[in-house]
Amino acid sequence: MGKRGHIIRKLLRFTGRIPTRYKLLFPFWLSSQLSVTHEEAAFPHLPPAFDGFVIAFASDIHYGPFLKRDRAEDLAQRLNAMQADLILLGGDYGEDTATAIELFHVMPALQAPYGVIAAIGNHDRIGSNDAFEKLLSRMKDWGADPLLNDARIIQKDDASLCICATDDIREGDPDFAPLFSQAKDSNFVLYAPHSPDILPVAFQQKHFDFDLVLTGHTHGGQVTLFGRTLHSSSRYGDRYRSGWLKEEGKRIFVSNGVGTSLLPVRLGAPAQIHRITLKRAK
């Protein structure tokens, strides 16, 4: 992010003082409301051992001036209430590295039988290298397993599910090479990059194949009118704006995310977290 972007963010921080509890200020009120969606994704090749496997997915928390401790605590409560097998966090935990670290000091721990796996977003890297290393360390102490060009394998019976993520395409250094062997040897691969902008690059990787993508970054457009984003955070505009998509034969789900960036406003793109159930298609 350039110097101009940092200046704009600092100038707009005062908007975090605008009250969000009054419906009269609807775009501000909507930014503080969080909905839970229930999704099903069916695949004929999903191993029977993972039929009914539940993933709780939350992206783009953006802890900081627009999202404070009370909402972080509410988010944790809602995610734990899903009773998911796995909790997946999609990156952008704060407005910058420092506030991302703060989030993992104030948000209650999350609980799931197969743990908490976390991607890294562009905002998580807005800070020094030392600060970023402190963030990764704090995430691990808190109970999250950050994926940085890495994969984790979940084994059930004789089947394996691979969850993998590359570094952020905007601020980081994505590398697919470490994912090749683990993805190749797994029965089902869930690719969870922070931003969908990396997907055209992922489709070009000859040795990397995946079955499902869960991603965020776009905020669903944050402010949309007639299904069009006024100012997209994606280099591809509305191509990966929100919801279920299909590209190159792959199923992709893009979350609107929890928090907001630049301004605490939403319109046509409500904040959301997701309870996603993997199903074996008959």
C-alpha atoms as a PDB file:
ATOM      1  CA  MET A   1       0.000   0.000   0.000  1.00  0.00           C
ATOM      2  CA  GLY A   2       1.355   3.392  -0.971  1.00  0.00           C
ATOM      3  CA  LYS A   3       2.003   6.412   1.225  1.00  0.00           C
ATOM      4  CA  ARG A   4      -1.176   8.063  -0.062  1.00  0.00           C
ATOM      5  CA  GLY A   5      -3.265   5.111   1.146  1.00  0.00           C
ATOM      6  CA  HIS A   6      -1.784   5.334   4.646  1.00  0.00           C
ATOM      7  CA  ILE A   7      -2.552   9.052   4.834  1.00  0.00           C
ATOM      8  CA  ILE A   8      -6.147   8.520   3.707  1.00  0.00           C
ATOM      9  CA  ARG A   9      -6.658   5.822   6.350  1.00  0.00           C
ATOM     10  CA  LYS A  10      -5.343   8.090   9.103  1.00  0.00           C
ATOM     11  CA  LEU A  11      -7.585  10.946   8.004  1.00  0.00           C
ATOM     12  CA  LEU A  12     -10.656   8.707   7.978  1.00  0.00           C
ATOM     13  CA  ARG A  13     -10.123   7.163  11.416  1.00  0.00           C
ATOM     14  CA  PHE A  14     -12.313   9.843  12.996  1.00  0.00           C
ATOM     15  CA  THR A  15     -15.327   8.282  11.223  1.00  0.00           C
ATOM     16  CA  GLY A  16     -15.062   5.456  13.739  1.00  0.00           C
ATOM     17  CA  ARG A  17     -16.710   7.833  16.219  1.00  0.00           C
ATOM     18  CA  ILE A  18     -19.909   7.982  14.159  1.00  0.00           C
ATOM     19  CA  PRO A  19     -22.590   6.010  16.063  1.00  0.00           C
ATOM     20  CA  THR A  20     -23.654   2.744  14.436  1.00  0.00           C
ATOM     21  CA  ARG A  21     -26.594   1.904  16.701  1.00  0.00           C
ATOM     22  CA  TYR A  22     -29.152   4.112  14.968  1.00  0.00           C
ATOM     23  CA  LYS A  23     -31.030   2.805  11.923  1.00  0.00           C
ATOM     24  CA  LEU A  24     -31.515   6.402  10.830  1.00  0.00           C
ATOM     25  CA  LEU A  25     -27.831   6.308   9.839  1.00  0.00           C
ATOM     26  CA  PHE A  26     -28.518   3.148   7.870  1.00  0.00           C
ATOM     27  CA  PRO A  27     -25.188   2.532   6.059  1.00  0.00           C
ATOM     28  CA  PHE A  28     -23.329   3.012   9.362  1.00  0.00           C
ATOM     29  CA  TRP A  29     -25.844   0.871  11.284  1.00  0.00           C
ATOM     30  CA  LEU A  30     -25.613  -1.914   8.703  1.00  0.00           C
ATOM     31  CA  SER A  31     -21.823  -2.015   9.045  1.00  0.00           C
ATOM     32  CA  SER A  32     -22.223  -3.131  12.678  1.00  0.00           C
ATOM     33  CA  GLN A  33     -24.758  -5.892  11.980  1.00  0.00           C
ATOM     34  CA  LEU A  34     -23.459  -9.436  11.529  1.00  0.00           C
ATOM     35  CA  SER A  35     -25.428 -12.182   9.838  1.00  0.00           C
ATOM     36  CA  VAL A  36     -24.755 -15.921   9.750  1.00  0.00           C
ATOM     37  CA  THR A  37     -25.235 -17.778   6.488  1.00  0.00           C
ATOM     38  CA  HIS A  38     -25.624 -21.548   6.190  1.00  0.00           C
ATOM     39  CA  GLU A  39     -24.030 -23.000   3.077  1.00  0.00           C
ATOM     40  CA  GLU A  40     -23.737 -26.484   1.611  1.00  0.00           C
ATOM     41  CA  ALA A  41     -21.120 -27.504  -0.925  1.00  0.00           C
ATOM     42  CA  ALA A  42     -21.600 -30.925  -2.526  1.00  0.00           C
ATOM     43  CA  PHE A  43     -18.899 -32.835  -4.394  1.00  0.00           C
ATOM     44  CA  PRO A  44     -19.198 -36.354  -5.874  1.00  0.00           C
ATOM     45  CA  HIS A  45     -15.553 -37.093  -5.072  1.00  0.00           C
ATOM     46  CA  LEU A  46     -15.649 -35.940  -1.431  1.00  0.00           C
ATOM     47  CA  PRO A  47     -14.506 -38.889   0.706  1.00  0.00           C
ATOM     48  CA  PRO A  48     -17.343 -40.417   2.790  1.00  0.00           C
ATOM     49  CA  ALA A  49     -15.349 -39.684   5.946  1.00  0.00           C
ATOM     50  CA  PHE A  50     -15.808 -35.937   5.301  1.00  0.00           C
ATOM     51  CA  ASP A  51     -19.488 -36.071   4.371  1.00  0.00           C
ATOM     52  CA  GLY A  52     -21.092 -33.562   6.760  1.00  0.00           C
ATOM     53  CA  PHE A  53     -17.787 -31.918   7.735  1.00  0.00           C
ATOM     54  CA  VAL A  54     -18.581 -28.382   8.988  1.00  0.00           C
ATOM     55  CA  ILE A  55     -16.343 -25.343   8.507  1.00  0.00           C
ATOM     56  CA  ALA A  56     -16.964 -22.035  10.277  1.00  0.00           C
ATOM     57  CA  PHE A  57     -15.554 -19.287   8.056  1.00  0.00           C
ATOM     58  CA  ALA A  58     -14.898 -15.646   8.966  1.00  0.00           C
ATOM     59  CA  SER A  59     -12.844 -13.161   6.993  1.00  0.00           C
ATOM     60  CA  ASP A  60     -11.826  -9.497   7.124  1.00  0.00           C
ATOM     61  CA  ILE A  61     -12.410  -8.706  10.799  1.00  0.00           C
ATOM     62  CA  HIS A  62     -10.526  -5.389  10.581  1.00  0.00           C
ATOM     63  CA  TYR A  63     -10.161  -4.834  14.322  1.00  0.00           C
ATOM     64  CA  GLY A  64      -9.427  -1.165  14.994  1.00  0.00           C
ATOM     65  CA  PRO A  65     -11.288   2.143  14.907  1.00  0.00           C
ATOM     66  CA  PHE A  66     -14.343   0.657  13.159  1.00  0.00           C
ATOM     67  CA  LEU A  67     -14.606  -2.619  15.099  1.00  0.00           C
ATOM     68  CA  LYS A  68     -13.936  -2.698  18.820  1.00  0.00           C
ATOM     69  CA  ARG A  69     -13.630  -5.304  21.564  1.00  0.00           C
ATOM     70  CA  ASP A  70     -17.358  -5.907  22.071  1.00  0.00           C
ATOM     71  CA  ARG A  71     -17.821  -6.953  18.460  1.00  0.00           C
ATOM     72  CA  ALA A  72     -14.714  -9.149  18.563  1.00  0.00           C
ATOM     73  CA  GLU A  73     -16.141 -10.925  21.608  1.00  0.00           C
ATOM     74  CA  ASP A  74     -19.516 -11.336  19.890  1.00  0.00           C
ATOM     75  CA  LEU A  75     -17.786 -12.758  16.807  1.00  0.00           C
ATOM     76  CA  ALA A  76     -15.970 -15.390  18.865  1.00  0.00           C
ATOM     77  CA  GLN A  77     -19.191 -16.385  20.595  1.00  0.00           C
ATOM     78  CA  ARG A  78     -20.993 -16.811  17.277  1.00  0.00           C
ATOM     79  CA  LEU A  79     -18.199 -18.848  15.726  1.00  0.00           C
ATOM     80  CA  ASN A  80     -18.006 -21.172  18.726  1.00  0.00           C
ATOM     81  CA  ALA A  81     -21.800 -21.565  18.688  1.00  0.00           C
ATOM     82  CA  MET A  82     -21.583 -23.061  15.190  1.00  0.00           C
ATOM     83  CA  GLN A  83     -20.005 -26.186  16.689  1.00  0.00           C
ATOM     84  CA  ALA A  84     -17.932 -26.599  13.551  1.00  0.00           C
ATOM     85  CA  ASP A  85     -15.325 -29.284  12.961  1.00  0.00           C
ATOM     86  CA  LEU A  86     -12.864 -26.636  11.790  1.00  0.00           C
ATOM     87  CA  ILE A  87     -12.722 -22.842  12.067  1.00  0.00           C
ATOM     88  CA  LEU A  88     -11.139 -21.014   9.136  1.00  0.00           C
ATOM     89  CA  LEU A  89     -10.127 -17.349   9.398  1.00  0.00           C
ATOM     90  CA  GLY A  90      -9.602 -15.502   6.125  1.00  0.00           C
ATOM     91  CA  GLY A  91      -7.111 -12.741   6.956  1.00  0.00           C
ATOM     92  CA  ASP A  92      -7.154  -8.967   7.519  1.00  0.00           C
ATOM     93  CA  TYR A  93      -7.465  -9.234  11.295  1.00  0.00           C
ATOM     94  CA  GLY A  94      -6.778  -5.554  11.882  1.00  0.00           C
ATOM     95  CA  GLU A  95      -6.352  -2.333   9.968  1.00  0.00           C
ATOM     96  CA  ASP A  96      -2.602  -2.946  10.136  1.00  0.00           C
ATOM     97  CA  THR A  97      -0.176  -5.329  11.802  1.00  0.00           C
ATOM     98  CA  ALA A  98      -0.383  -3.570  15.167  1.00  0.00           C
ATOM     99  CA  THR A  99      -4.189  -3.740  15.406  1.00  0.00           C
ATOM    100  CA  ALA A 100      -4.118  -7.344  14.157  1.00  0.00           C
ATOM    101  CA  ILE A 101      -1.921  -8.191  17.138  1.00  0.00           C
ATOM    102  CA  GLU A 102      -4.389  -6.372  19.413  1.00  0.00           C
ATOM    103  CA  LEU A 103      -7.249  -8.513  18.101  1.00  0.00           C
ATOM    104  CA  PHE A 104      -5.538 -11.697  19.221  1.00  0.00           C
ATOM    105  CA  HIS A 105      -5.140 -10.180  22.685  1.00  0.00           C
ATOM    106  CA  VAL A 106      -8.795  -9.227  23.140  1.00  0.00           C
ATOM    107  CA  MET A 107     -10.791 -11.852  21.199  1.00  0.00           C
ATOM    108  CA  PRO A 108     -11.744 -14.959  23.217  1.00  0.00           C
ATOM    109  CA  ALA A 109     -10.313 -18.278  22.077  1.00  0.00           C
ATOM    110  CA  LEU A 110     -12.092 -20.289  19.406  1.00  0.00           C
ATOM    111  CA  GLN A 111     -12.805 -23.969  19.843  1.00  0.00           C
ATOM    112  CA  ALA A 112     -13.121 -26.659  17.174  1.00  0.00           C
ATOM    113  CA  PRO A 113     -12.095 -30.346  17.130  1.00  0.00           C
ATOM    114  CA  TYR A 114      -9.731 -29.823  14.190  1.00  0.00           C
ATOM    115  CA  GLY A 115      -8.507 -26.430  15.326  1.00  0.00           C
ATOM    116  CA  VAL A 116      -8.336 -22.917  13.910  1.00  0.00           C
ATOM    117  CA  ILE A 117      -6.522 -22.308  10.623  1.00  0.00           C
ATOM    118  CA  ALA A 118      -5.825 -18.758   9.456  1.00  0.00           C
ATOM    119  CA  ALA A 119      -4.824 -17.102   6.181  1.00  0.00           C
ATOM    120  CA  ILE A 120      -2.820 -13.885   6.029  1.00  0.00           C
ATOM    121  CA  GLY A 121      -4.297 -10.725   4.487  1.00  0.00           C
ATOM    122  CA  ASN A 122      -2.829  -7.556   3.010  1.00  0.00           C
ATOM    123  CA  HIS A 123      -3.676  -5.429   6.079  1.00  0.00           C
ATOM    124  CA  ASP A 124      -1.907  -7.913   8.346  1.00  0.00           C
ATOM    125  CA  ARG A 125       1.319  -6.997   6.557  1.00  0.00           C
ATOM    126  CA  ILE A 126       1.029  -3.203   6.939  1.00  0.00           C
ATOM    127  CA  GLY A 127       3.876  -2.896   9.420  1.00  0.00           C
ATOM    128  CA  SER A 128       7.519  -3.802   9.932  1.00  0.00           C
ATOM    129  CA  ASN A 129       8.883  -7.307   9.449  1.00  0.00           C
ATOM    130  CA  ASP A 130       9.467  -7.536  13.205  1.00  0.00           C
ATOM    131  CA  ALA A 131       5.855  -6.599  13.871  1.00  0.00           C
ATOM    132  CA  PHE A 132       4.669  -9.222  11.390  1.00  0.00           C
ATOM    133  CA  GLU A 133       6.738 -11.917  13.126  1.00  0.00           C
ATOM    134  CA  LYS A 134       5.176 -10.840  16.434  1.00  0.00           C
ATOM    135  CA  LEU A 135       1.742 -11.202  14.861  1.00  0.00           C
ATOM    136  CA  LEU A 136       2.452 -14.765  13.710  1.00  0.00           C
ATOM    137  CA  SER A 137       3.791 -15.624  17.174  1.00  0.00           C
ATOM    138  CA  ARG A 138       0.766 -14.095  18.891  1.00  0.00           C
ATOM    139  CA  MET A 139      -1.627 -15.967  16.606  1.00  0.00           C
ATOM    140  CA  LYS A 140       0.017 -19.268  17.516  1.00  0.00           C
ATOM    141  CA  ASP A 141      -0.068 -18.484  21.246  1.00  0.00           C
ATOM    142  CA  TRP A 142      -3.759 -17.575  20.904  1.00  0.00           C
ATOM    143  CA  GLY A 143      -4.547 -20.885  19.233  1.00  0.00           C
ATOM    144  CA  ALA A 144      -4.596 -20.115  15.504  1.00  0.00           C
ATOM    145  CA  ASP A 145      -2.423 -21.898  12.964  1.00  0.00           C
ATOM    146  CA  PRO A 146      -1.341 -19.271  10.374  1.00  0.00           C
ATOM    147  CA  LEU A 147      -0.777 -20.563   6.853  1.00  0.00           C
ATOM    148  CA  LEU A 148       1.899 -18.723   4.917  1.00  0.00           C
ATOM    149  CA  ASN A 149       2.501 -20.617   1.646  1.00  0.00           C
ATOM    150  CA  ASP A 150       1.708 -23.753   3.576  1.00  0.00           C
ATOM    151  CA  ALA A 151      -0.832 -26.531   4.028  1.00  0.00           C
ATOM    152  CA  ARG A 152      -2.356 -28.615   6.804  1.00  0.00           C
ATOM    153  CA  ILE A 153      -3.688 -32.133   6.409  1.00  0.00           C
ATOM    154  CA  ILE A 154      -6.723 -33.437   8.277  1.00  0.00           C
ATOM    155  CA  GLN A 155      -6.898 -37.223   8.377  1.00  0.00           C
ATOM    156  CA  LYS A 156     -10.139 -39.120   8.938  1.00  0.00           C
ATOM    157  CA  ASP A 157     -10.231 -42.894   8.549  1.00  0.00           C
ATOM    158  CA  ASP A 158      -8.253 -43.519   5.362  1.00  0.00           C
ATOM    159  CA  ALA A 159      -9.054 -40.143   3.761  1.00  0.00           C
ATOM    160  CA  SER A 160      -7.314 -36.771   3.903  1.00  0.00           C
ATOM    161  CA  LEU A 161      -8.477 -33.184   3.552  1.00  0.00           C
ATOM    162  CA  CYS A 162      -5.864 -30.564   2.677  1.00  0.00           C
ATOM    163  CA  ILE A 163      -6.352 -26.924   3.716  1.00  0.00           C
ATOM    164  CA  CYS A 164      -3.805 -24.611   2.118  1.00  0.00           C
ATOM    165  CA  ALA A 165      -3.162 -20.907   1.610  1.00  0.00           C
ATOM    166  CA  THR A 166      -0.610 -18.763  -0.155  1.00  0.00           C
ATOM    167  CA  ASP A 167       0.684 -15.458   1.164  1.00  0.00           C
ATOM    168  CA  ASP A 168      -1.276 -12.342   0.232  1.00  0.00           C
ATOM    169  CA  ILE A 169      -0.914 -11.355  -3.414  1.00  0.00           C
ATOM    170  CA  ARG A 170      -1.006  -7.620  -2.683  1.00  0.00           C
ATOM    171  CA  GLU A 171       1.445  -7.162   0.197  1.00  0.00           C
ATOM    172  CA  GLY A 172       3.079 -10.571   0.545  1.00  0.00           C
ATOM    173  CA  ASP A 173       5.076 -13.068  -1.503  1.00  0.00           C
ATOM    174  CA  PRO A 174       2.849 -15.949  -2.701  1.00  0.00           C
ATOM    175  CA  ASP A 175       4.609 -19.235  -3.447  1.00  0.00           C
ATOM    176  CA  PHE A 176       2.702 -22.273  -4.675  1.00  0.00           C
ATOM    177  CA  ALA A 177       5.658 -24.658  -4.683  1.00  0.00           C
ATOM    178  CA  PRO A 178       5.304 -25.738  -1.010  1.00  0.00           C
ATOM    179  CA  LEU A 179       1.662 -26.708  -1.655  1.00  0.00           C
ATOM    180  CA  PHE A 180       2.222 -29.032  -4.604  1.00  0.00           C
ATOM    181  CA  SER A 181       3.067 -32.312  -2.889  1.00  0.00           C
ATOM    182  CA  GLN A 182       0.574 -32.003  -0.014  1.00  0.00           C
ATOM    183  CA  ALA A 183      -2.280 -31.068  -2.316  1.00  0.00           C
ATOM    184  CA  LYS A 184      -1.398 -33.810  -4.802  1.00  0.00           C
ATOM    185  CA  ASP A 185      -1.470 -36.531  -2.149  1.00  0.00           C
ATOM    186  CA  SER A 186      -4.806 -35.461  -0.582  1.00  0.00           C
ATOM    187  CA  ASN A 187      -8.306 -36.676  -1.450  1.00  0.00           C
ATOM    188  CA  PHE A 188      -9.853 -33.190  -1.242  1.00  0.00           C
ATOM    189  CA  VAL A 189      -8.162 -29.782  -1.367  1.00  0.00           C
ATOM    190  CA  LEU A 190      -9.571 -26.567   0.111  1.00  0.00           C
ATOM    191  CA  TYR A 191      -7.644 -23.509  -1.044  1.00  0.00           C
ATOM    192  CA  ALA A 192      -8.120 -20.521   1.276  1.00  0.00           C
ATOM    193  CA  PRO A 193      -6.191 -17.443   0.099  1.00  0.00           C
ATOM    194  CA  HIS A 194      -7.148 -14.104   1.588  1.00  0.00           C
ATOM    195  CA  SER A 195      -7.871 -12.486  -1.767  1.00  0.00           C
ATOM    196  CA  PRO A 196      -9.570 -13.969  -4.838  1.00  0.00           C
ATOM    197  CA  ASP A 197      -7.254 -11.835  -6.975  1.00  0.00           C
ATOM    198  CA  ILE A 198      -4.725 -14.668  -6.819  1.00  0.00           C
ATOM    199  CA  LEU A 199      -7.076 -17.158  -8.491  1.00  0.00           C
ATOM    200  CA  PRO A 200      -6.083 -16.411 -12.110  1.00  0.00           C
ATOM    201  CA  VAL A 201      -2.500 -17.139 -11.044  1.00  0.00           C
ATOM    202  CA  ALA A 202      -3.552 -20.305  -9.200  1.00  0.00           C
ATOM    203  CA  PHE A 203      -5.361 -21.632 -12.270  1.00  0.00           C
ATOM    204  CA  GLN A 204      -2.088 -21.438 -14.194  1.00  0.00           C
ATOM    205  CA  GLN A 205      -0.200 -23.665 -11.733  1.00  0.00           C
ATOM    206  CA  LYS A 206       0.267 -26.994 -13.543  1.00  0.00           C
ATOM    207  CA  HIS A 207       1.060 -28.955 -10.382  1.00  0.00           C
ATOM    208  CA  PHE A 208      -1.542 -27.427  -8.072  1.00  0.00           C
ATOM    209  CA  ASP A 209      -5.138 -28.620  -8.165  1.00  0.00           C
ATOM    210  CA  PHE A 210      -7.921 -27.823  -5.713  1.00  0.00           C
ATOM    211  CA  ASP A 211     -11.617 -28.560  -5.238  1.00  0.00           C
ATOM    212  CA  LEU A 212     -13.004 -25.608  -3.287  1.00  0.00           C
ATOM    213  CA  VAL A 213     -11.954 -22.005  -2.665  1.00  0.00           C
ATOM    214  CA  LEU A 214     -12.979 -19.997   0.400  1.00  0.00           C
ATOM    215  CA  THR A 215     -11.838 -16.390   0.281  1.00  0.00           C
ATOM    216  CA  GLY A 216     -12.698 -12.803   1.250  1.00  0.00           C
ATOM    217  CA  HIS A 217     -10.989  -9.412   0.824  1.00  0.00           C
ATOM    218  CA  THR A 218     -13.718  -7.800  -1.313  1.00  0.00           C
ATOM    219  CA  HIS A 219     -16.122  -7.010   1.585  1.00  0.00           C
ATOM    220  CA  GLY A 220     -18.822  -7.911  -0.928  1.00  0.00           C
ATOM    221  CA  GLY A 221     -18.123  -4.531  -2.466  1.00  0.00           C
ATOM    222  CA  GLN A 222     -18.912  -2.903   0.924  1.00  0.00           C
ATOM    223  CA  VAL A 223     -21.096  -0.346  -0.873  1.00  0.00           C
ATOM    224  CA  THR A 224     -22.970  -1.661  -3.901  1.00  0.00           C
ATOM    225  CA  LEU A 225     -25.821  -0.235  -5.942  1.00  0.00           C
ATOM    226  CA  PHE A 226     -27.825  -2.355  -8.371  1.00  0.00           C
ATOM    227  CA  GLY A 227     -25.324  -5.171  -7.925  1.00  0.00           C
ATOM    228  CA  ARG A 228     -22.327  -3.035  -8.841  1.00  0.00           C
ATOM    229  CA  THR A 229     -19.467  -1.987  -6.578  1.00  0.00           C
ATOM    230  CA  LEU A 230     -18.821   1.738  -6.336  1.00  0.00           C
ATOM    231  CA  HIS A 231     -15.146   1.211  -5.541  1.00  0.00           C
ATOM    232  CA  SER A 232     -13.797  -2.325  -5.680  1.00  0.00           C
ATOM    233  CA  SER A 233     -10.868  -3.501  -3.569  1.00  0.00           C
ATOM    234  CA  SER A 234     -10.256  -6.186  -6.196  1.00  0.00           C
ATOM    235  CA  ARG A 235      -8.201  -5.521  -9.301  1.00  0.00           C
ATOM    236  CA  TYR A 236     -10.868  -7.499 -11.173  1.00  0.00           C
ATOM    237  CA  GLY A 237     -13.785  -5.274 -10.205  1.00  0.00           C
ATOM    238  CA  ASP A 238     -16.987  -7.251  -9.627  1.00  0.00           C
ATOM    239  CA  ARG A 239     -15.650 -10.507 -11.053  1.00  0.00           C
ATOM    240  CA  TYR A 240     -15.136 -11.963  -7.563  1.00  0.00           C
ATOM    241  CA  ARG A 241     -17.423  -9.653  -5.618  1.00  0.00           C
ATOM    242  CA  SER A 242     -19.489 -11.971  -3.394  1.00  0.00           C
ATOM    243  CA  GLY A 243     -21.080 -15.383  -2.947  1.00  0.00           C
ATOM    244  CA  TRP A 244     -20.817 -18.613  -4.914  1.00  0.00           C
ATOM    245  CA  LEU A 245     -18.959 -18.514  -8.218  1.00  0.00           C
ATOM    246  CA  LYS A 246     -17.590 -21.051 -10.638  1.00  0.00           C
ATOM    247  CA  GLU A 247     -14.475 -20.566 -12.721  1.00  0.00           C
ATOM    248  CA  GLU A 248     -12.236 -23.035 -14.508  1.00  0.00           C
ATOM    249  CA  GLY A 249     -14.579 -25.736 -13.224  1.00  0.00           C
ATOM    250  CA  LYS A 250     -13.799 -24.841  -9.584  1.00  0.00           C
ATOM    251  CA  ARG A 251     -16.302 -23.810  -6.941  1.00  0.00           C
ATOM    252  CA  ILE A 252     -15.441 -20.495  -5.268  1.00  0.00           C
ATOM    253  CA  PHE A 253     -17.085 -18.826  -2.297  1.00  0.00           C
ATOM    254  CA  VAL A 254     -16.326 -15.152  -1.583  1.00  0.00           C
ATOM    255  CA  SER A 255     -17.388 -13.787   1.812  1.00  0.00           C
ATOM    256  CA  ASN A 256     -18.548 -10.221   2.456  1.00  0.00           C
ATOM    257  CA  GLY A 257     -16.444 -10.388   5.612  1.00  0.00           C
ATOM    258  CA  VAL A 258     -17.017  -9.054   9.110  1.00  0.00           C
ATOM    259  CA  GLY A 259     -15.485  -5.591   9.300  1.00  0.00           C
ATOM    260  CA  THR A 260     -15.009  -2.629   7.002  1.00  0.00           C
ATOM    261  CA  SER A 261     -12.129  -0.595   5.680  1.00  0.00           C
ATOM    262  CA  LEU A 262     -11.707   3.134   5.001  1.00  0.00           C
ATOM    263  CA  LEU A 263     -15.253   3.911   6.213  1.00  0.00           C
ATOM    264  CA  PRO A 264     -17.581   2.112   8.677  1.00  0.00           C
ATOM    265  CA  VAL A 265     -20.360   1.867   6.094  1.00  0.00           C
ATOM    266  CA  ARG A 266     -22.094  -0.927   4.203  1.00  0.00           C
ATOM    267  CA  LEU A 267     -24.846  -0.860   1.640  1.00  0.00           C
ATOM    268  CA  GLY A 268     -26.026  -3.863  -0.342  1.00  0.00           C
ATOM    269  CA  ALA A 269     -23.254  -5.976   1.189  1.00  0.00           C
ATOM    270  CA  PRO A 270     -24.097  -7.030   4.771  1.00  0.00           C
ATOM    271  CA  ALA A 271     -21.375  -8.276   7.096  1.00  0.00           C
ATOM    272  CA  GLN A 272     -21.414 -12.040   7.404  1.00  0.00           C
ATOM    273  CA  ILE A 273     -19.825 -15.208   8.713  1.00  0.00           C
ATOM    274  CA  HIS A 274     -20.586 -18.672   7.406  1.00  0.00           C
ATOM    275  CA  ARG A 275     -21.337 -22.208   8.485  1.00  0.00           C
ATOM    276  CA  ILE A 276     -20.308 -24.313   5.504  1.00  0.00           C
ATOM    277  CA  THR A 277     -21.122 -28.025   5.348  1.00  0.00           C
ATOM    278  CA  LEU A 278     -19.253 -30.261   2.932  1.00  0.00           C
ATOM    279  CA  LYS A 279     -21.488 -32.926   1.430  1.00  0.00           C
ATOM    280  CA  ARG A 280     -20.849 -35.946  -0.720  1.00  0.00           C
ATOM    281  CA  ALA A 281     -23.054 -35.661  -3.799  1.00  0.00           C
ATOM    282  CA  LYS A 282     -25.197 -38.697  -4.504  1.00  0.00           C
END
